[in-house]
Amino acid sequence: MPGFLAARLAKAAVVILAIVVCNFLLIHAAPGDPASVIAGQSGAADERFLAQLREQFGLDRPLHVQLWIYLKGVLTLDLGFSHRQQLPVWTLIQARLPATLLLTGTAFVFAIVTGVTLGALAARRVGRWADSLITVIALTFYATPLFWIGLMLVLVFSVWLEWLPSFGMSSVGVELHGMAVVLDVAQHLLLPALTLGLFYLAVYARLTRATMLEVADQDFVKTARAKGVPEGRVLRAHVLRNAMLPVITFAGIQAGQLVGGAILVETVFAWPGIGRLAFDALLARDYAVLLGVFFCTSVMVVAFNLVTDLLYAVVDPRVEAVG
C-alpha cells in the first residue's frame, strides 16, 4: 500500500503540473488585454497607465517568463493577486471554498445514496411497476437541464409555496446563533443541493440497476442461492457488493464534475462558492482568479480519483492483491 500511494501521488503531481501549464497557456491565448479591462474599471485608459498596469501584473514579460513565475508561486500556494477584488487569490478561494465543498458534498452524498438505493430497488423488482416508475423518474432527471430544474424548484418551493429561500447561503439582516445558524444554512442549501444532485442521482440509479442485473446472472450468485442463502443476504453480500465497483468508478469521475456543475447552480442560486467566483472573474477577465479556481478544482478531481482507487480495495480486496 505505501508503494501504491507513492506511485499514485507521483502521477497526481505530474497530472496537476500538466493541467496548470495547459490552463495558463489557454487563458493567455484568449483574445483581449487584461490591462485594458483593469484600466476601464478604474476610469483611465491612457498608454502610460496601461504600461504601468502591464508592468505591475507582469504582462509585459515574455510568456515563458510569466509561466515560470506562476509555477513558482503555485508551489508556495501564491496564486497571484486579484485586480478586481484587490485581494490575494488564495484568500478569495479560502473564503469561498467551504461553501462549494458543502454544496457539492451534500449533493454527492444525496445522489449516490438515493441513486444506489433506487437502483437496487429497481433491480430487485425488475419488470414490475416500481422498476418502470424508477426508470421513468431517472430518465426524466437525466434529460432535464440543471438550470431548468433549479428554476422550477425556486418557482414551486420559494415563489408558490414560500417554504424555502431562493438565493444565498444565509438570511440577510438576521442575527442568528447556535442551531439557528445551522438550520438557516440547511434551508438555503436544500434547493441548490437538490438541483445539483438530481441529475447524478439518475445516473447512479440506472448504473446500479444495470450492474446488479448483470451480476445476478453470475455463477457464484446462483451457487449462493443453491446453497440456501437467504435472498436478502444474496442481494446485499453478493450482488450489490460486486455491482458497486462500476458505481465507485463512475462516482470518482462524477465527484470532480460536480464542481463544474456547481458553477451553474451557484450562479442560479447566488451561492457564494468558487463557481460563482470563477463566473465573476471570467466576466472581469481576472485571469489570476480563474487560474486559481482551475488549480483548486484540478487538485480536488485528482484527490477524488485517488480516494476512488483506495475504495476499490475496501469493496473488493482482490483489487489490492492485484495491485
Protein backbone atom coordinates (compact mmCIF):
# COMPACT_ATOMS: atom_id res chain seq x y z
CA MET A 1 0.00 0.00 0.00
CA PRO A 2 2.78 2.58 0.71
CA GLY A 3 4.30 1.90 -2.69
CA PHE A 4 0.89 2.16 -4.32
CA LEU A 5 0.24 5.52 -2.64
CA ALA A 6 3.68 6.85 -3.56
CA ALA A 7 3.21 5.90 -7.22
CA ARG A 8 -0.27 7.42 -7.37
CA LEU A 9 0.87 10.63 -5.66
CA ALA A 10 3.74 10.98 -8.13
CA LYS A 11 1.36 10.52 -11.06
CA ALA A 12 -1.05 13.01 -9.48
CA ALA A 13 1.70 15.61 -9.19
CA VAL A 14 2.57 15.21 -12.88
CA VAL A 15 -1.09 15.48 -13.89
CA ILE A 16 -1.64 18.61 -11.81
CA LEU A 17 1.51 20.21 -13.25
CA ALA A 18 0.35 19.48 -16.80
CA ILE A 19 -3.10 20.90 -16.05
CA VAL A 20 -1.63 24.06 -14.54
CA VAL A 21 0.56 24.65 -17.61
CA CYS A 22 -2.31 23.98 -20.04
CA ASN A 23 -4.69 26.26 -18.15
CA PHE A 24 -2.12 29.05 -18.08
CA LEU A 25 -1.47 28.82 -21.82
CA LEU A 26 -5.17 28.61 -22.71
CA ILE A 27 -6.10 31.59 -20.54
CA HIS A 28 -3.36 33.73 -22.04
CA ALA A 29 -4.30 32.63 -25.55
CA ALA A 30 -7.78 34.13 -25.13
CA PRO A 31 -8.33 37.38 -27.06
CA GLY A 32 -8.33 40.69 -25.19
CA ASP A 33 -5.96 42.62 -22.99
CA PRO A 34 -6.46 42.32 -19.21
CA ALA A 35 -4.69 45.65 -18.73
CA SER A 36 -7.36 47.38 -20.82
CA VAL A 37 -10.09 45.84 -18.68
CA ILE A 38 -8.37 46.94 -15.47
CA ALA A 39 -7.86 50.44 -16.87
CA GLY A 40 -11.51 50.59 -17.93
CA GLN A 41 -12.65 49.69 -14.43
CA SER A 42 -10.51 52.45 -12.94
CA GLY A 43 -11.69 55.05 -15.47
CA ALA A 44 -8.29 55.71 -17.07
CA ALA A 45 -7.04 54.23 -20.34
CA ASP A 46 -4.03 56.27 -21.50
CA GLU A 47 -0.95 54.47 -22.77
CA ARG A 48 1.21 55.39 -19.79
CA PHE A 49 -1.31 53.94 -17.34
CA LEU A 50 -1.66 50.78 -19.46
CA ALA A 51 2.11 50.34 -19.46
CA GLN A 52 2.19 50.72 -15.68
CA LEU A 53 -0.51 48.09 -15.30
CA ARG A 54 1.29 45.64 -17.58
CA GLU A 55 4.49 46.12 -15.59
CA GLN A 56 2.66 45.77 -12.25
CA PHE A 57 1.00 42.47 -13.17
CA GLY A 58 3.93 41.15 -15.23
CA LEU A 59 2.02 41.27 -18.51
CA ASP A 60 4.90 42.98 -20.29
CA ARG A 61 7.21 39.96 -19.84
CA PRO A 62 7.56 37.05 -22.29
CA LEU A 63 5.02 34.28 -21.90
CA HIS A 64 7.54 31.67 -20.76
CA VAL A 65 8.80 34.04 -18.05
CA GLN A 66 5.23 34.63 -16.85
CA LEU A 67 4.66 30.87 -16.79
CA TRP A 68 7.81 30.22 -14.77
CA ILE A 69 6.89 32.92 -12.24
CA TYR A 70 3.38 31.48 -11.93
CA LEU A 71 4.65 27.90 -11.43
CA LYS A 72 6.99 29.05 -8.66
CA GLY A 73 4.07 30.79 -7.00
CA VAL A 74 1.84 27.71 -7.23
CA LEU A 75 4.45 25.62 -5.40
CA THR A 76 4.18 28.04 -2.44
CA LEU A 77 0.37 28.47 -2.80
CA ASP A 78 0.92 32.01 -4.03
CA LEU A 79 -1.76 32.06 -6.75
CA GLY A 80 -1.41 35.73 -7.58
CA PHE A 81 -3.40 38.88 -6.87
CA SER A 82 -6.93 39.75 -7.97
CA HIS A 83 -7.07 43.19 -9.58
CA ARG A 84 -10.86 43.25 -9.27
CA GLN A 85 -11.15 42.18 -5.63
CA GLN A 86 -7.85 43.76 -4.55
CA LEU A 87 -7.05 40.64 -2.53
CA PRO A 88 -4.72 37.66 -2.92
CA VAL A 89 -6.32 34.87 -4.93
CA TRP A 90 -5.69 32.27 -2.24
CA THR A 91 -7.54 34.46 0.29
CA LEU A 92 -10.56 34.64 -2.02
CA ILE A 93 -10.55 30.88 -2.64
CA GLN A 94 -10.20 30.10 1.07
CA ALA A 95 -13.25 32.24 1.78
CA ARG A 96 -15.38 30.62 -0.97
CA LEU A 97 -14.16 27.01 -0.94
CA PRO A 98 -16.09 25.84 2.17
CA ALA A 99 -19.40 26.90 0.58
CA THR A 100 -18.62 24.92 -2.60
CA LEU A 101 -17.49 21.85 -0.64
CA LEU A 102 -20.68 22.00 1.43
CA LEU A 103 -22.85 22.22 -1.67
CA THR A 104 -21.06 19.59 -3.75
CA GLY A 105 -20.55 17.24 -0.79
CA THR A 106 -24.23 17.34 0.14
CA ALA A 107 -25.31 16.85 -3.48
CA PHE A 108 -22.84 13.98 -3.94
CA VAL A 109 -23.93 12.09 -0.82
CA PHE A 110 -27.61 12.62 -1.67
CA ALA A 111 -27.12 11.49 -5.26
CA ILE A 112 -25.11 8.34 -4.57
CA VAL A 113 -27.12 7.15 -1.54
CA THR A 114 -30.52 7.77 -3.12
CA GLY A 115 -29.40 6.64 -6.58
CA VAL A 116 -27.92 3.34 -5.39
CA THR A 117 -31.00 2.68 -3.22
CA LEU A 118 -33.40 3.32 -6.09
CA GLY A 119 -31.24 1.28 -8.49
CA ALA A 120 -31.13 -1.67 -6.10
CA LEU A 121 -34.91 -1.44 -5.61
CA ALA A 122 -35.46 -1.39 -9.37
CA ALA A 123 -33.16 -4.39 -9.87
CA ARG A 124 -34.93 -6.38 -7.16
CA ARG A 125 -38.34 -5.65 -8.71
CA VAL A 126 -37.29 -5.81 -12.35
CA GLY A 127 -40.21 -5.82 -14.75
CA ARG A 128 -42.70 -4.58 -12.14
CA TRP A 129 -44.34 -1.17 -11.74
CA ALA A 130 -41.67 0.01 -9.25
CA ASP A 131 -38.93 -0.70 -11.78
CA SER A 132 -40.80 1.19 -14.51
CA LEU A 133 -41.51 4.16 -12.23
CA ILE A 134 -37.87 4.46 -11.10
CA THR A 135 -36.68 4.19 -14.70
CA VAL A 136 -39.02 6.95 -15.87
CA ILE A 137 -38.02 9.25 -12.99
CA ALA A 138 -34.31 8.63 -13.61
CA LEU A 139 -34.57 9.31 -17.34
CA THR A 140 -36.58 12.48 -16.69
CA PHE A 141 -33.98 13.94 -14.35
CA TYR A 142 -31.14 12.85 -16.64
CA ALA A 143 -32.69 14.56 -19.68
CA THR A 144 -33.58 17.82 -17.90
CA PRO A 145 -31.04 20.70 -17.83
CA LEU A 146 -29.73 21.67 -14.42
CA PHE A 147 -30.71 25.33 -14.72
CA TRP A 148 -34.31 24.41 -15.60
CA ILE A 149 -34.59 22.12 -12.57
CA GLY A 150 -33.23 24.91 -10.38
CA LEU A 151 -35.66 27.49 -11.73
CA MET A 152 -38.64 25.14 -11.33
CA LEU A 153 -37.64 24.32 -7.74
CA VAL A 154 -37.40 28.03 -6.96
CA LEU A 155 -40.76 28.67 -8.62
CA VAL A 156 -42.53 25.90 -6.68
CA PHE A 157 -40.89 25.94 -3.24
CA SER A 158 -39.89 29.60 -2.98
CA VAL A 159 -42.44 31.57 -5.01
CA TRP A 160 -45.63 29.49 -4.81
CA LEU A 161 -45.32 27.64 -1.50
CA GLU A 162 -42.85 30.05 0.19
CA TRP A 163 -41.28 27.18 2.11
CA LEU A 164 -37.61 27.71 1.26
CA PRO A 165 -35.35 30.69 0.44
CA SER A 166 -34.49 31.14 -3.21
CA PHE A 167 -30.94 32.50 -3.08
CA GLY A 168 -27.87 32.98 -0.90
CA MET A 169 -26.33 30.84 1.79
CA SER A 170 -27.85 32.55 4.84
CA SER A 171 -30.52 35.06 5.73
CA VAL A 172 -29.53 38.69 5.27
CA GLY A 173 -30.08 41.16 8.09
CA VAL A 174 -30.95 38.50 10.67
CA GLU A 175 -28.72 37.74 13.66
CA LEU A 176 -28.73 34.04 14.47
CA HIS A 177 -26.82 31.88 16.93
CA GLY A 178 -26.17 28.20 17.58
CA MET A 179 -28.50 25.71 15.95
CA ALA A 180 -30.46 28.52 14.35
CA VAL A 181 -27.45 29.21 12.11
CA VAL A 182 -27.22 25.54 11.10
CA LEU A 183 -30.94 25.35 10.29
CA ASP A 184 -30.79 28.58 8.32
CA VAL A 185 -27.87 27.33 6.19
CA ALA A 186 -29.63 23.97 5.73
CA GLN A 187 -32.74 25.71 4.42
CA HIS A 188 -30.68 27.71 1.91
CA LEU A 189 -28.72 24.57 0.97
CA LEU A 190 -31.69 22.34 0.20
CA LEU A 191 -32.70 23.68 -3.23
CA PRO A 192 -29.16 24.04 -4.69
CA ALA A 193 -28.16 20.58 -3.44
CA LEU A 194 -31.31 19.02 -4.89
CA THR A 195 -30.74 20.75 -8.22
CA LEU A 196 -27.16 19.55 -8.44
CA GLY A 197 -27.84 16.06 -7.09
CA LEU A 198 -30.93 15.04 -9.07
CA PHE A 199 -29.04 14.69 -12.35
CA TYR A 200 -26.36 12.45 -10.84
CA LEU A 201 -28.99 10.52 -8.86
CA ALA A 202 -30.49 9.42 -12.16
CA VAL A 203 -27.10 8.22 -13.41
CA TYR A 204 -26.35 6.18 -10.28
CA ALA A 205 -29.83 4.63 -10.27
CA ARG A 206 -29.54 3.46 -13.88
CA LEU A 207 -25.96 2.23 -13.43
CA THR A 208 -26.74 0.34 -10.21
CA ARG A 209 -29.75 -1.35 -11.76
CA ALA A 210 -27.80 -2.44 -14.85
CA THR A 211 -24.77 -3.76 -12.93
CA MET A 212 -26.90 -5.61 -10.38
CA LEU A 213 -28.85 -7.36 -13.12
CA GLU A 214 -25.57 -8.34 -14.78
CA VAL A 215 -24.02 -9.66 -11.56
CA ALA A 216 -27.22 -11.54 -10.65
CA ASP A 217 -26.64 -13.87 -13.62
CA GLN A 218 -23.14 -14.86 -12.50
CA ASP A 219 -22.40 -18.42 -11.37
CA PHE A 220 -21.35 -17.51 -7.83
CA VAL A 221 -24.77 -15.88 -7.21
CA LYS A 222 -26.58 -18.96 -8.48
CA THR A 223 -24.37 -21.12 -6.24
CA ALA A 224 -25.23 -18.99 -3.20
CA ARG A 225 -28.93 -19.37 -3.92
CA ALA A 226 -28.49 -23.13 -4.44
CA LYS A 227 -26.87 -23.40 -1.00
CA GLY A 228 -29.97 -21.85 0.55
CA VAL A 229 -28.54 -18.43 1.41
CA PRO A 230 -31.42 -16.03 2.18
CA GLU A 231 -32.34 -13.81 -0.77
CA GLY A 232 -31.73 -10.59 1.16
CA ARG A 233 -28.18 -11.66 2.04
CA VAL A 234 -27.55 -12.76 -1.56
CA LEU A 235 -28.53 -9.32 -2.82
CA ARG A 236 -26.52 -7.42 -0.19
CA ALA A 237 -23.35 -9.53 0.17
CA HIS A 238 -23.00 -10.96 -3.32
CA VAL A 239 -24.92 -8.93 -5.89
CA LEU A 240 -24.80 -5.36 -4.59
CA ARG A 241 -21.23 -5.51 -3.30
CA ASN A 242 -19.86 -6.75 -6.62
CA ALA A 243 -22.05 -4.32 -8.53
CA MET A 244 -20.59 -1.36 -6.61
CA LEU A 245 -17.23 -1.34 -8.42
CA PRO A 246 -18.56 0.32 -11.60
CA VAL A 247 -20.59 2.71 -9.44
CA ILE A 248 -17.50 3.69 -7.44
CA THR A 249 -15.55 4.23 -10.66
CA PHE A 250 -18.24 6.48 -12.06
CA ALA A 251 -18.67 8.27 -8.73
CA GLY A 252 -14.97 9.12 -8.64
CA ILE A 253 -15.25 10.73 -12.07
CA GLN A 254 -18.53 12.49 -11.30
CA ALA A 255 -17.25 13.87 -7.98
CA GLY A 256 -14.85 16.07 -9.91
CA GLN A 257 -17.51 17.06 -12.42
CA LEU A 258 -19.76 18.19 -9.59
CA VAL A 259 -17.51 21.22 -9.12
CA GLY A 260 -18.04 22.16 -12.76
CA GLY A 261 -21.79 21.73 -12.44
CA ALA A 262 -21.73 23.82 -9.29
CA ILE A 263 -20.73 26.88 -11.34
CA LEU A 264 -24.16 26.95 -12.99
CA VAL A 265 -26.04 26.09 -9.80
CA GLU A 266 -24.15 28.66 -7.75
CA THR A 267 -24.97 31.30 -10.35
CA VAL A 268 -28.68 30.44 -10.36
CA PHE A 269 -28.98 30.41 -6.56
CA ALA A 270 -26.38 33.15 -5.83
CA TRP A 271 -24.45 30.61 -3.74
CA PRO A 272 -21.15 32.17 -2.57
CA GLY A 273 -18.77 29.44 -3.74
CA ILE A 274 -15.78 29.23 -6.05
CA GLY A 275 -18.07 28.52 -9.01
CA ARG A 276 -19.67 31.93 -8.63
CA LEU A 277 -16.22 33.39 -8.05
CA ALA A 278 -14.98 31.89 -11.34
CA PHE A 279 -18.04 33.21 -13.22
CA ASP A 280 -17.48 36.75 -11.94
CA ALA A 281 -13.75 36.51 -12.69
CA LEU A 282 -14.48 35.40 -16.24
CA LEU A 283 -16.67 38.45 -16.86
CA ALA A 284 -13.99 40.74 -15.41
CA ARG A 285 -11.08 38.96 -17.17
CA ASP A 286 -9.49 38.38 -13.80
CA TYR A 287 -7.05 35.75 -15.05
CA ALA A 288 -5.35 35.19 -11.70
CA VAL A 289 -8.62 34.21 -10.03
CA LEU A 290 -9.60 31.93 -12.93
CA LEU A 291 -6.27 30.14 -12.81
CA GLY A 292 -6.54 29.79 -9.04
CA VAL A 293 -10.00 28.24 -9.28
CA PHE A 294 -8.85 25.90 -12.05
CA PHE A 295 -5.89 24.82 -9.94
CA CYS A 296 -8.05 24.06 -6.89
CA THR A 297 -10.64 22.12 -8.90
CA SER A 298 -7.86 20.13 -10.57
CA VAL A 299 -6.43 19.16 -7.20
CA MET A 300 -9.86 18.11 -5.98
CA VAL A 301 -10.51 15.98 -9.07
CA VAL A 302 -7.17 14.19 -8.69
CA ALA A 303 -7.81 13.69 -4.96
CA PHE A 304 -11.26 12.22 -5.66
CA ASN A 305 -9.77 9.74 -8.12
CA LEU A 306 -7.10 8.71 -5.59
CA VAL A 307 -9.80 8.09 -2.98
CA THR A 308 -11.70 6.05 -5.56
CA ASP A 309 -8.69 3.81 -6.11
CA LEU A 310 -8.40 3.26 -2.36
CA LEU A 311 -12.10 2.38 -2.09
CA TYR A 312 -11.60 -0.40 -4.63
CA ALA A 313 -9.53 -2.32 -2.10
CA VAL A 314 -12.22 -1.86 0.55
CA VAL A 315 -15.08 -3.09 -1.65
CA ASP A 316 -13.11 -5.84 -3.39
CA PRO A 317 -9.85 -6.99 -1.68
CA ARG A 318 -8.83 -8.76 -4.90
CA VAL A 319 -8.06 -5.35 -6.43
CA GLU A 320 -5.45 -4.66 -3.74
CA ALA A 321 -3.93 -8.10 -4.28
CA VAL A 322 -3.59 -7.49 -7.99
CA GLY A 323 -2.16 -4.01 -7.40
